[in-house]
Amino acid sequence: MDYKTARNFLIDQGTALETQRNPDAFLMRLKQGSAPIPGQVTNILLALKIVFETLQESPMLDRQLIYALHLLAVESTQQFAAGSNRGIAWPPVLKEDVERIAIAVKNIFSGVWQ
């Protein structure tokens, strides 16, 4: 996956709640109470790592990408919690996956991968 593909993928996954273009986007699935598609979280984490590596030395970040990253980090946590409160039985590792996404986004913002 190259930077352009990773960027577009993250924007698609992160802004799906607003655009309603992709019913299988990560945030859309969480909002609907559905588990992510197999491999979806892995692809998100890979894309986040590629974006981090590409932008690590960049003093400025793309507003559209940053907005999508923010939504991925915040909305995934909120949708996971809301689903749990509604009694949805999420896959066992989804909570940790959502936390990994939030940490990766934080790493992109800070410029340091932890």
PDB file of N, CA and C in Angstrom:
ATOM      1  N   MET A   1       0.863  -1.166   0.000  1.00  0.00           N
ATOM      2  CA  MET A   1       0.000   0.000   0.000  1.00  0.00           C
ATOM      3  C   MET A   1       0.915   1.237   0.000  1.00  0.00           C
ATOM      4  N   ASP A   2       0.648   2.156  -0.900  1.00  0.00           N
ATOM      5  CA  ASP A   2       1.418   3.397  -0.944  1.00  0.00           C
ATOM      6  C   ASP A   2       0.675   4.484  -0.155  1.00  0.00           C
ATOM      7  N   TYR A   3       1.313   5.645   0.001  1.00  0.00           N
ATOM      8  CA  TYR A   3       0.741   6.713   0.810  1.00  0.00           C
ATOM      9  C   TYR A   3      -0.615   7.173   0.269  1.00  0.00           C
ATOM     10  N   LYS A   4      -0.716   7.368  -1.030  1.00  0.00           N
ATOM     11  CA  LYS A   4      -1.966   7.865  -1.611  1.00  0.00           C
ATOM     12  C   LYS A   4      -3.116   6.895  -1.341  1.00  0.00           C
ATOM     13  N   THR A   5      -2.859   5.617  -1.523  1.00  0.00           N
ATOM     14  CA  THR A   5      -3.879   4.600  -1.260  1.00  0.00           C
ATOM     15  C   THR A   5      -4.251   4.582   0.219  1.00  0.00           C
ATOM     16  N   ALA A   6      -3.243   4.646   1.084  1.00  0.00           N
ATOM     17  CA  ALA A   6      -3.486   4.644   2.534  1.00  0.00           C
ATOM     18  C   ALA A   6      -4.310   5.862   2.931  1.00  0.00           C
ATOM     19  N   ARG A   7      -3.944   7.026   2.424  1.00  0.00           N
ATOM     20  CA  ARG A   7      -4.661   8.262   2.730  1.00  0.00           C
ATOM     21  C   ARG A   7      -6.121   8.157   2.317  1.00  0.00           C
ATOM     22  N   ASN A   8      -6.363   7.752   1.086  1.00  0.00           N
ATOM     23  CA  ASN A   8      -7.732   7.641   0.577  1.00  0.00           C
ATOM     24  C   ASN A   8      -8.543   6.609   1.355  1.00  0.00           C
ATOM     25  N   PHE A   9      -7.911   5.499   1.703  1.00  0.00           N
ATOM     26  CA  PHE A   9      -8.580   4.449   2.467  1.00  0.00           C
ATOM     27  C   PHE A   9      -9.002   4.978   3.840  1.00  0.00           C
ATOM     28  N   LEU A  10      -8.096   5.678   4.513  1.00  0.00           N
ATOM     29  CA  LEU A  10      -8.417   6.215   5.841  1.00  0.00           C
ATOM     30  C   LEU A  10      -9.507   7.275   5.773  1.00  0.00           C
ATOM     31  N   ILE A  11      -9.459   8.102   4.753  1.00  0.00           N
ATOM     32  CA  ILE A  11     -10.511   9.114   4.593  1.00  0.00           C
ATOM     33  C   ILE A  11     -11.856   8.433   4.361  1.00  0.00           C
ATOM     34  N   ASP A  12     -11.878   7.412   3.525  1.00  0.00           N
ATOM     35  CA  ASP A  12     -13.116   6.674   3.261  1.00  0.00           C
ATOM     36  C   ASP A  12     -13.646   6.010   4.531  1.00  0.00           C
ATOM     37  N   GLN A  13     -12.761   5.377   5.283  1.00  0.00           N
ATOM     38  CA  GLN A  13     -13.177   4.690   6.507  1.00  0.00           C
ATOM     39  C   GLN A  13     -13.592   5.677   7.598  1.00  0.00           C
ATOM     40  N   GLY A  14     -12.933   6.823   7.658  1.00  0.00           N
ATOM     41  CA  GLY A  14     -13.173   7.782   8.738  1.00  0.00           C
ATOM     42  C   GLY A  14     -14.341   8.718   8.524  1.00  0.00           C
ATOM     43  N   THR A  15     -14.663   9.009   7.267  1.00  0.00           N
ATOM     44  CA  THR A  15     -15.733   9.985   7.016  1.00  0.00           C
ATOM     45  C   THR A  15     -17.019   9.335   6.526  1.00  0.00           C
ATOM     46  N   ALA A  16     -17.107   8.039   6.598  1.00  0.00           N
ATOM     47  CA  ALA A  16     -18.273   7.319   6.075  1.00  0.00           C
ATOM     48  C   ALA A  16     -19.578   7.703   6.767  1.00  0.00           C
ATOM     49  N   LEU A  17     -19.524   8.023   8.060  1.00  0.00           N
ATOM     50  CA  LEU A  17     -20.753   8.398   8.768  1.00  0.00           C
ATOM     51  C   LEU A  17     -21.349   9.669   8.187  1.00  0.00           C
ATOM     52  N   GLU A  18     -20.513  10.549   7.678  1.00  0.00           N
ATOM     53  CA  GLU A  18     -20.986  11.810   7.130  1.00  0.00           C
ATOM     54  C   GLU A  18     -21.370  11.683   5.664  1.00  0.00           C
ATOM     55  N   THR A  19     -20.590  10.922   4.912  1.00  0.00           N
ATOM     56  CA  THR A  19     -20.829  10.851   3.468  1.00  0.00           C
ATOM     57  C   THR A  19     -21.842   9.777   3.090  1.00  0.00           C
ATOM     58  N   GLN A  20     -21.994   8.758   3.935  1.00  0.00           N
ATOM     59  CA  GLN A  20     -22.916   7.642   3.670  1.00  0.00           C
ATOM     60  C   GLN A  20     -22.588   6.917   2.360  1.00  0.00           C
ATOM     61  N   ARG A  21     -21.335   7.061   1.869  1.00  0.00           N
ATOM     62  CA  ARG A  21     -20.951   6.440   0.601  1.00  0.00           C
ATOM     63  C   ARG A  21     -20.637   4.963   0.727  1.00  0.00           C
ATOM     64  N   ASN A  22     -20.077   4.569   1.846  1.00  0.00           N
ATOM     65  CA  ASN A  22     -19.591   3.205   1.980  1.00  0.00           C
ATOM     66  C   ASN A  22     -20.229   2.531   3.189  1.00  0.00           C
ATOM     67  N   PRO A  23     -21.270   1.728   2.969  1.00  0.00           N
ATOM     68  CA  PRO A  23     -21.947   1.093   4.102  1.00  0.00           C
ATOM     69  C   PRO A  23     -21.068   0.068   4.827  1.00  0.00           C
ATOM     70  N   ASP A  24     -19.977  -0.369   4.192  1.00  0.00           N
ATOM     71  CA  ASP A  24     -19.081  -1.327   4.833  1.00  0.00           C
ATOM     72  C   ASP A  24     -17.862  -0.667   5.462  1.00  0.00           C
ATOM     73  N   ALA A  25     -17.837   0.662   5.509  1.00  0.00           N
ATOM     74  CA  ALA A  25     -16.727   1.360   6.160  1.00  0.00           C
ATOM     75  C   ALA A  25     -16.731   1.016   7.653  1.00  0.00           C
ATOM     76  N   PHE A  26     -15.577   1.072   8.247  1.00  0.00           N
ATOM     77  CA  PHE A  26     -15.382   0.692   9.644  1.00  0.00           C
ATOM     78  C   PHE A  26     -16.374   1.383  10.580  1.00  0.00           C
ATOM     79  N   LEU A  27     -16.456   2.694  10.519  1.00  0.00           N
ATOM     80  CA  LEU A  27     -17.344   3.422  11.427  1.00  0.00           C
ATOM     81  C   LEU A  27     -18.817   3.137  11.152  1.00  0.00           C
ATOM     82  N   MET A  28     -19.174   2.947   9.897  1.00  0.00           N
ATOM     83  CA  MET A  28     -20.565   2.604   9.559  1.00  0.00           C
ATOM     84  C   MET A  28     -20.942   1.257  10.164  1.00  0.00           C
ATOM     85  N   ARG A  29     -20.046   0.297  10.059  1.00  0.00           N
ATOM     86  CA  ARG A  29     -20.325  -1.033  10.602  1.00  0.00           C
ATOM     87  C   ARG A  29     -20.477  -0.964  12.125  1.00  0.00           C
ATOM     88  N   LEU A  30     -19.593  -0.205  12.788  1.00  0.00           N
ATOM     89  CA  LEU A  30     -19.713  -0.084  14.238  1.00  0.00           C
ATOM     90  C   LEU A  30     -21.029   0.584  14.624  1.00  0.00           C
ATOM     91  N   LYS A  31     -21.407   1.627  13.898  1.00  0.00           N
ATOM     92  CA  LYS A  31     -22.665   2.322  14.199  1.00  0.00           C
ATOM     93  C   LYS A  31     -23.860   1.385  14.026  1.00  0.00           C
ATOM     94  N   GLN A  32     -23.797   0.499  13.035  1.00  0.00           N
ATOM     95  CA  GLN A  32     -24.879  -0.448  12.772  1.00  0.00           C
ATOM     96  C   GLN A  32     -24.847  -1.639  13.729  1.00  0.00           C
ATOM     97  N   GLY A  33     -23.817  -1.697  14.576  1.00  0.00           N
ATOM     98  CA  GLY A  33     -23.702  -2.821  15.507  1.00  0.00           C
ATOM     99  C   GLY A  33     -23.099  -4.055  14.881  1.00  0.00           C
ATOM    100  N   SER A  34     -22.428  -3.883  13.749  1.00  0.00           N
ATOM    101  CA  SER A  34     -21.799  -4.999  13.056  1.00  0.00           C
ATOM    102  C   SER A  34     -20.295  -4.992  13.305  1.00  0.00           C
ATOM    103  N   ALA A  35     -19.736  -6.177  13.388  1.00  0.00           N
ATOM    104  CA  ALA A  35     -18.283  -6.307  13.538  1.00  0.00           C
ATOM    105  C   ALA A  35     -17.606  -5.865  12.245  1.00  0.00           C
ATOM    106  N   PRO A  36     -16.367  -5.427  12.341  1.00  0.00           N
ATOM    107  CA  PRO A  36     -15.635  -5.071  11.119  1.00  0.00           C
ATOM    108  C   PRO A  36     -15.508  -6.276  10.193  1.00  0.00           C
ATOM    109  N   ILE A  37     -15.324  -6.000   8.926  1.00  0.00           N
ATOM    110  CA  ILE A  37     -15.064  -7.048   7.940  1.00  0.00           C
ATOM    111  C   ILE A  37     -13.705  -7.663   8.269  1.00  0.00           C
ATOM    112  N   PRO A  38     -13.550  -8.978   8.138  1.00  0.00           N
ATOM    113  CA  PRO A  38     -12.237  -9.577   8.411  1.00  0.00           C
ATOM    114  C   PRO A  38     -11.123  -8.862   7.634  1.00  0.00           C
ATOM    115  N   GLY A  39     -10.082  -8.502   8.350  1.00  0.00           N
ATOM    116  CA  GLY A  39      -8.947  -7.820   7.750  1.00  0.00           C
ATOM    117  C   GLY A  39      -9.081  -6.307   7.711  1.00  0.00           C
ATOM    118  N   GLN A  40     -10.253  -5.787   8.007  1.00  0.00           N
ATOM    119  CA  GLN A  40     -10.482  -4.346   7.920  1.00  0.00           C
ATOM    120  C   GLN A  40      -9.630  -3.568   8.921  1.00  0.00           C
ATOM    121  N   VAL A  41      -9.587  -4.013  10.150  1.00  0.00           N
ATOM    122  CA  VAL A  41      -8.791  -3.330  11.164  1.00  0.00           C
ATOM    123  C   VAL A  41      -7.309  -3.442  10.819  1.00  0.00           C
ATOM    124  N   THR A  42      -6.884  -4.592  10.351  1.00  0.00           N
ATOM    125  CA  THR A  42      -5.485  -4.769   9.945  1.00  0.00           C
ATOM    126  C   THR A  42      -5.128  -3.775   8.850  1.00  0.00           C
ATOM    127  N   ASN A  43      -6.011  -3.600   7.885  1.00  0.00           N
ATOM    128  CA  ASN A  43      -5.756  -2.639   6.807  1.00  0.00           C
ATOM    129  C   ASN A  43      -5.732  -1.203   7.328  1.00  0.00           C
ATOM    130  N   ILE A  44      -6.599  -0.893   8.269  1.00  0.00           N
ATOM    131  CA  ILE A  44      -6.600   0.453   8.865  1.00  0.00           C
ATOM    132  C   ILE A  44      -5.277   0.693   9.585  1.00  0.00           C
ATOM    133  N   LEU A  45      -4.840  -0.282  10.387  1.00  0.00           N
ATOM    134  CA  LEU A  45      -3.580  -0.118  11.124  1.00  0.00           C
ATOM    135  C   LEU A  45      -2.388  -0.018  10.175  1.00  0.00           C
ATOM    136  N   LEU A  46      -2.399  -0.789   9.103  1.00  0.00           N
ATOM    137  CA  LEU A  46      -1.330  -0.700   8.103  1.00  0.00           C
ATOM    138  C   LEU A  46      -1.331   0.675   7.453  1.00  0.00           C
ATOM    139  N   ALA A  47      -2.489   1.149   7.074  1.00  0.00           N
ATOM    140  CA  ALA A  47      -2.595   2.474   6.449  1.00  0.00           C
ATOM    141  C   ALA A  47      -2.126   3.566   7.411  1.00  0.00           C
ATOM    142  N   LEU A  48      -2.470   3.440   8.681  1.00  0.00           N
ATOM    143  CA  LEU A  48      -2.023   4.416   9.678  1.00  0.00           C
ATOM    144  C   LEU A  48      -0.502   4.424   9.796  1.00  0.00           C
ATOM    145  N   LYS A  49       0.102   3.253   9.769  1.00  0.00           N
ATOM    146  CA  LYS A  49       1.566   3.154   9.853  1.00  0.00           C
ATOM    147  C   LYS A  49       2.217   3.797   8.626  1.00  0.00           C
ATOM    148  N   ILE A  50       1.662   3.567   7.454  1.00  0.00           N
ATOM    149  CA  ILE A  50       2.197   4.163   6.226  1.00  0.00           C
ATOM    150  C   ILE A  50       2.072   5.674   6.268  1.00  0.00           C
ATOM    151  N   VAL A  51       0.932   6.168   6.704  1.00  0.00           N
ATOM    152  CA  VAL A  51       0.736   7.614   6.829  1.00  0.00           C
ATOM    153  C   VAL A  51       1.732   8.187   7.837  1.00  0.00           C
ATOM    154  N   PHE A  52       1.907   7.504   8.958  1.00  0.00           N
ATOM    155  CA  PHE A  52       2.879   7.965   9.948  1.00  0.00           C
ATOM    156  C   PHE A  52       4.272   8.071   9.334  1.00  0.00           C
ATOM    157  N   GLU A  53       4.709   7.006   8.677  1.00  0.00           N
ATOM    158  CA  GLU A  53       6.057   6.995   8.109  1.00  0.00           C
ATOM    159  C   GLU A  53       6.237   8.074   7.052  1.00  0.00           C
ATOM    160  N   THR A  54       5.215   8.313   6.262  1.00  0.00           N
ATOM    161  CA  THR A  54       5.309   9.317   5.202  1.00  0.00           C
ATOM    162  C   THR A  54       5.309  10.733   5.772  1.00  0.00           C
ATOM    163  N   LEU A  55       4.513  10.966   6.798  1.00  0.00           N
ATOM    164  CA  LEU A  55       4.340  12.324   7.322  1.00  0.00           C
ATOM    165  C   LEU A  55       5.183  12.629   8.553  1.00  0.00           C
ATOM    166  N   GLN A  56       5.993  11.695   8.988  1.00  0.00           N
ATOM    167  CA  GLN A  56       6.727  11.860  10.237  1.00  0.00           C
ATOM    168  C   GLN A  56       7.528  13.157  10.288  1.00  0.00           C
ATOM    169  N   GLU A  57       8.154  13.525   9.214  1.00  0.00           N
ATOM    170  CA  GLU A  57       8.986  14.729   9.200  1.00  0.00           C
ATOM    171  C   GLU A  57       8.243  15.958   8.672  1.00  0.00           C
ATOM    172  N   SER A  58       7.014  15.782   8.286  1.00  0.00           N
ATOM    173  CA  SER A  58       6.254  16.888   7.706  1.00  0.00           C
ATOM    174  C   SER A  58       5.778  17.851   8.796  1.00  0.00           C
ATOM    175  N   PRO A  59       6.033  19.148   8.626  1.00  0.00           N
ATOM    176  CA  PRO A  59       5.570  20.108   9.631  1.00  0.00           C
ATOM    177  C   PRO A  59       4.079  20.428   9.514  1.00  0.00           C
ATOM    178  N   MET A  60       3.476  20.100   8.365  1.00  0.00           N
ATOM    179  CA  MET A  60       2.051  20.386   8.162  1.00  0.00           C
ATOM    180  C   MET A  60       1.331  19.114   7.745  1.00  0.00           C
ATOM    181  N   LEU A  61       0.068  19.038   8.145  1.00  0.00           N
ATOM    182  CA  LEU A  61      -0.735  17.868   7.814  1.00  0.00           C
ATOM    183  C   LEU A  61      -1.978  18.302   7.046  1.00  0.00           C
ATOM    184  N   ASP A  62      -2.448  17.421   6.203  1.00  0.00           N
ATOM    185  CA  ASP A  62      -3.605  17.613   5.338  1.00  0.00           C
ATOM    186  C   ASP A  62      -4.889  17.632   6.179  1.00  0.00           C
ATOM    187  N   ARG A  63      -5.655  18.717   6.086  1.00  0.00           N
ATOM    188  CA  ARG A  63      -6.863  18.888   6.905  1.00  0.00           C
ATOM    189  C   ARG A  63      -7.875  17.762   6.694  1.00  0.00           C
ATOM    190  N   GLN A  64      -8.119  17.349   5.466  1.00  0.00           N
ATOM    191  CA  GLN A  64      -9.087  16.278   5.184  1.00  0.00           C
ATOM    192  C   GLN A  64      -8.640  14.968   5.840  1.00  0.00           C
ATOM    193  N   LEU A  65      -7.360  14.662   5.737  1.00  0.00           N
ATOM    194  CA  LEU A  65      -6.833  13.451   6.361  1.00  0.00           C
ATOM    195  C   LEU A  65      -6.922  13.549   7.879  1.00  0.00           C
ATOM    196  N   ILE A  66      -6.544  14.668   8.424  1.00  0.00           N
ATOM    197  CA  ILE A  66      -6.564  14.841   9.878  1.00  0.00           C
ATOM    198  C   ILE A  66      -7.983  14.698  10.421  1.00  0.00           C
ATOM    199  N   TYR A  67      -8.941  15.253   9.709  1.00  0.00           N
ATOM    200  CA  TYR A  67     -10.334  15.128  10.142  1.00  0.00           C
ATOM    201  C   TYR A  67     -10.758  13.659  10.156  1.00  0.00           C
ATOM    202  N   ALA A  68     -10.405  12.926   9.116  1.00  0.00           N
ATOM    203  CA  ALA A  68     -10.748  11.505   9.050  1.00  0.00           C
ATOM    204  C   ALA A  68     -10.052  10.723  10.170  1.00  0.00           C
ATOM    205  N   LEU A  69      -8.799  11.042  10.447  1.00  0.00           N
ATOM    206  CA  LEU A  69      -8.075  10.363  11.524  1.00  0.00           C
ATOM    207  C   LEU A  69      -8.728  10.650  12.877  1.00  0.00           C
ATOM    208  N   HIS A  70      -9.078  11.897  13.078  1.00  0.00           N
ATOM    209  CA  HIS A  70      -9.753  12.273  14.331  1.00  0.00           C
ATOM    210  C   HIS A  70     -11.051  11.465  14.488  1.00  0.00           C
ATOM    211  N   LEU A  71     -11.841  11.412  13.426  1.00  0.00           N
ATOM    212  CA  LEU A  71     -13.096  10.658  13.493  1.00  0.00           C
ATOM    213  C   LEU A  71     -12.840   9.185  13.756  1.00  0.00           C
ATOM    214  N   LEU A  72     -11.835   8.608  13.094  1.00  0.00           N
ATOM    215  CA  LEU A  72     -11.520   7.196  13.333  1.00  0.00           C
ATOM    216  C   LEU A  72     -11.172   6.947  14.791  1.00  0.00           C
ATOM    217  N   ALA A  73     -10.382   7.832  15.372  1.00  0.00           N
ATOM    218  CA  ALA A  73      -9.960   7.641  16.762  1.00  0.00           C
ATOM    219  C   ALA A  73     -11.112   7.861  17.737  1.00  0.00           C
ATOM    220  N   VAL A  74     -11.846   8.934  17.562  1.00  0.00           N
ATOM    221  CA  VAL A  74     -12.888   9.305  18.531  1.00  0.00           C
ATOM    222  C   VAL A  74     -14.175   8.514  18.303  1.00  0.00           C
ATOM    223  N   GLU A  75     -14.654   8.509  17.073  1.00  0.00           N
ATOM    224  CA  GLU A  75     -15.939   7.858  16.776  1.00  0.00           C
ATOM    225  C   GLU A  75     -15.888   6.343  16.983  1.00  0.00           C
ATOM    226  N   SER A  76     -14.764   5.718  16.669  1.00  0.00           N
ATOM    227  CA  SER A  76     -14.704   4.266  16.865  1.00  0.00           C
ATOM    228  C   SER A  76     -14.821   3.929  18.349  1.00  0.00           C
ATOM    229  N   THR A  77     -14.191   4.736  19.193  1.00  0.00           N
ATOM    230  CA  THR A  77     -14.293   4.531  20.632  1.00  0.00           C
ATOM    231  C   THR A  77     -15.734   4.742  21.102  1.00  0.00           C
ATOM    232  N   GLN A  78     -16.360   5.802  20.616  1.00  0.00           N
ATOM    233  CA  GLN A  78     -17.742   6.100  21.013  1.00  0.00           C
ATOM    234  C   GLN A  78     -18.717   5.052  20.491  1.00  0.00           C
ATOM    235  N   GLN A  79     -18.558   4.638  19.243  1.00  0.00           N
ATOM    236  CA  GLN A  79     -19.467   3.634  18.671  1.00  0.00           C
ATOM    237  C   GLN A  79     -19.301   2.282  19.365  1.00  0.00           C
ATOM    238  N   PHE A  80     -18.047   1.940  19.706  1.00  0.00           N
ATOM    239  CA  PHE A  80     -17.812   0.693  20.432  1.00  0.00           C
ATOM    240  C   PHE A  80     -18.520   0.735  21.784  1.00  0.00           C
ATOM    241  N   ALA A  81     -18.363   1.843  22.506  1.00  0.00           N
ATOM    242  CA  ALA A  81     -18.996   1.972  23.828  1.00  0.00           C
ATOM    243  C   ALA A  81     -20.517   1.965  23.704  1.00  0.00           C
ATOM    244  N   ALA A  82     -21.048   2.682  22.730  1.00  0.00           N
ATOM    245  CA  ALA A  82     -22.501   2.724  22.540  1.00  0.00           C
ATOM    246  C   ALA A  82     -23.044   1.331  22.226  1.00  0.00           C
ATOM    247  N   GLY A  83     -22.347   0.602  21.376  1.00  0.00           N
ATOM    248  CA  GLY A  83     -22.772  -0.757  21.064  1.00  0.00           C
ATOM    249  C   GLY A  83     -22.719  -1.668  22.275  1.00  0.00           C
ATOM    250  N   SER A  84     -21.668  -1.531  23.059  1.00  0.00           N
ATOM    251  CA  SER A  84     -21.555  -2.331  24.286  1.00  0.00           C
ATOM    252  C   SER A  84     -22.710  -2.019  25.231  1.00  0.00           C
ATOM    253  N   ASN A  85     -23.061  -0.740  25.339  1.00  0.00           N
ATOM    254  CA  ASN A  85     -24.186  -0.339  26.201  1.00  0.00           C
ATOM    255  C   ASN A  85     -25.517  -0.880  25.698  1.00  0.00           C
ATOM    256  N   ARG A  86     -25.619  -1.096  24.369  1.00  0.00           N
ATOM    257  CA  ARG A  86     -26.847  -1.668  23.798  1.00  0.00           C
ATOM    258  C   ARG A  86     -26.846  -3.192  23.876  1.00  0.00           C
ATOM    259  N   GLY A  87     -25.771  -3.765  24.401  1.00  0.00           N
ATOM    260  CA  GLY A  87     -25.714  -5.215  24.565  1.00  0.00           C
ATOM    261  C   GLY A  87     -25.119  -5.961  23.380  1.00  0.00           C
ATOM    262  N   ILE A  88     -24.465  -5.256  22.484  1.00  0.00           N
ATOM    263  CA  ILE A  88     -23.848  -5.924  21.333  1.00  0.00           C
ATOM    264  C   ILE A  88     -22.641  -6.720  21.819  1.00  0.00           C
ATOM    265  N   ALA A  89     -22.561  -7.954  21.383  1.00  0.00           N
ATOM    266  CA  ALA A  89     -21.426  -8.815  21.728  1.00  0.00           C
ATOM    267  C   ALA A  89     -20.360  -8.645  20.646  1.00  0.00           C
ATOM    268  N   TRP A  90     -19.462  -7.692  20.853  1.00  0.00           N
ATOM    269  CA  TRP A  90     -18.399  -7.424  19.884  1.00  0.00           C
ATOM    270  C   TRP A  90     -17.386  -8.572  19.882  1.00  0.00           C
ATOM    271  N   PRO A  91     -16.642  -8.723  18.793  1.00  0.00           N
ATOM    272  CA  PRO A  91     -15.551  -9.714  18.806  1.00  0.00           C
ATOM    273  C   PRO A  91     -14.587  -9.423  19.964  1.00  0.00           C
ATOM    274  N   PRO A  92     -13.984 -10.458  20.525  1.00  0.00           N
ATOM    275  CA  PRO A  92     -13.169 -10.292  21.732  1.00  0.00           C
ATOM    276  C   PRO A  92     -12.026  -9.279  21.613  1.00  0.00           C
ATOM    277  N   VAL A  93     -11.420  -9.135  20.476  1.00  0.00           N
ATOM    278  CA  VAL A  93     -10.254  -8.238  20.358  1.00  0.00           C
ATOM    279  C   VAL A  93     -10.615  -6.855  19.824  1.00  0.00           C
ATOM    280  N   LEU A  94     -11.888  -6.594  19.573  1.00  0.00           N
ATOM    281  CA  LEU A  94     -12.262  -5.314  18.971  1.00  0.00           C
ATOM    282  C   LEU A  94     -11.934  -4.126  19.880  1.00  0.00           C
ATOM    283  N   LYS A  95     -12.121  -4.283  21.171  1.00  0.00           N
ATOM    284  CA  LYS A  95     -11.791  -3.182  22.088  1.00  0.00           C
ATOM    285  C   LYS A  95     -10.318  -2.806  21.958  1.00  0.00           C
ATOM    286  N   GLU A  96      -9.441  -3.803  21.932  1.00  0.00           N
ATOM    287  CA  GLU A  96      -8.012  -3.547  21.786  1.00  0.00           C
ATOM    288  C   GLU A  96      -7.698  -2.961  20.409  1.00  0.00           C
ATOM    289  N   ASP A  97      -8.404  -3.409  19.388  1.00  0.00           N
ATOM    290  CA  ASP A  97      -8.201  -2.862  18.040  1.00  0.00           C
ATOM    291  C   ASP A  97      -8.557  -1.376  17.992  1.00  0.00           C
ATOM    292  N   VAL A  98      -9.680  -1.019  18.606  1.00  0.00           N
ATOM    293  CA  VAL A  98     -10.105   0.378  18.648  1.00  0.00           C
ATOM    294  C   VAL A  98      -9.064   1.207  19.403  1.00  0.00           C
ATOM    295  N   GLU A  99      -8.538   0.663  20.481  1.00  0.00           N
ATOM    296  CA  GLU A  99      -7.488   1.361  21.235  1.00  0.00           C
ATOM    297  C   GLU A  99      -6.229   1.519  20.395  1.00  0.00           C
ATOM    298  N   ARG A 100      -5.864   0.491  19.624  1.00  0.00           N
ATOM    299  CA  ARG A 100      -4.677   0.570  18.754  1.00  0.00           C
ATOM    300  C   ARG A 100      -4.852   1.639  17.680  1.00  0.00           C
ATOM    301  N   ILE A 101      -6.053   1.753  17.151  1.00  0.00           N
ATOM    302  CA  ILE A 101      -6.323   2.799  16.156  1.00  0.00           C
ATOM    303  C   ILE A 101      -6.124   4.174  16.786  1.00  0.00           C
ATOM    304  N   ALA A 102      -6.679   4.384  17.968  1.00  0.00           N
ATOM    305  CA  ALA A 102      -6.543   5.680  18.652  1.00  0.00           C
ATOM    306  C   ALA A 102      -5.079   5.989  18.952  1.00  0.00           C
ATOM    307  N   ILE A 103      -4.320   5.003  19.373  1.00  0.00           N
ATOM    308  CA  ILE A 103      -2.895   5.203  19.658  1.00  0.00           C
ATOM    309  C   ILE A 103      -2.134   5.535  18.382  1.00  0.00           C
ATOM    310  N   ALA A 104      -2.443   4.844  17.291  1.00  0.00           N
ATOM    311  CA  ALA A 104      -1.760   5.119  16.024  1.00  0.00           C
ATOM    312  C   ALA A 104      -2.055   6.536  15.539  1.00  0.00           C
ATOM    313  N   VAL A 105      -3.288   6.980  15.696  1.00  0.00           N
ATOM    314  CA  VAL A 105      -3.635   8.354  15.310  1.00  0.00           C
ATOM    315  C   VAL A 105      -2.861   9.345  16.180  1.00  0.00           C
ATOM    316  N   LYS A 106      -2.805   9.091  17.456  1.00  0.00           N
ATOM    317  CA  LYS A 106      -2.028   9.951  18.362  1.00  0.00           C
ATOM    318  C   LYS A 106      -0.570   9.993  17.915  1.00  0.00           C
ATOM    319  N   ASN A 107      -0.034   8.851  17.530  1.00  0.00           N
ATOM    320  CA  ASN A 107       1.355   8.786  17.067  1.00  0.00           C
ATOM    321  C   ASN A 107       1.568   9.637  15.821  1.00  0.00           C
ATOM    322  N   ILE A 108       0.618   9.631  14.917  1.00  0.00           N
ATOM    323  CA  ILE A 108       0.723  10.457  13.709  1.00  0.00           C
ATOM    324  C   ILE A 108       0.754  11.929  14.105  1.00  0.00           C
ATOM    325  N   PHE A 109      -0.112  12.317  15.008  1.00  0.00           N
ATOM    326  CA  PHE A 109      -0.160  13.715  15.452  1.00  0.00           C
ATOM    327  C   PHE A 109       1.131  14.127  16.166  1.00  0.00           C
ATOM    328  N   SER A 110       1.682  13.221  16.969  1.00  0.00           N
ATOM    329  CA  SER A 110       2.874  13.557  17.757  1.00  0.00           C
ATOM    330  C   SER A 110       4.171  13.435  16.959  1.00  0.00           C
ATOM    331  N   GLY A 111       4.158  12.591  15.919  1.00  0.00           N
ATOM    332  CA  GLY A 111       5.380  12.365  15.139  1.00  0.00           C
ATOM    333  C   GLY A 111       6.290  11.315  15.746  1.00  0.00           C
ATOM    334  N   VAL A 112       5.815  10.620  16.788  1.00  0.00           N
ATOM    335  CA  VAL A 112       6.610   9.572  17.451  1.00  0.00           C
ATOM    336  C   VAL A 112       5.764   8.302  17.538  1.00  0.00           C
ATOM    337  N   TRP A 113       6.275   7.207  16.969  1.00  0.00           N
ATOM    338  CA  TRP A 113       5.551   5.928  17.019  1.00  0.00           C
ATOM    339  C   TRP A 113       5.866   5.234  18.336  1.00  0.00           C
ATOM    340  N   GLN A 114       4.837   4.915  19.090  1.00  0.00           N
ATOM    341  CA  GLN A 114       5.048   4.249  20.386  1.00  0.00           C
ATOM    342  C   GLN A 114       4.492   2.853  20.366  1.00  0.00           C
TER     343      GLN A 114
END
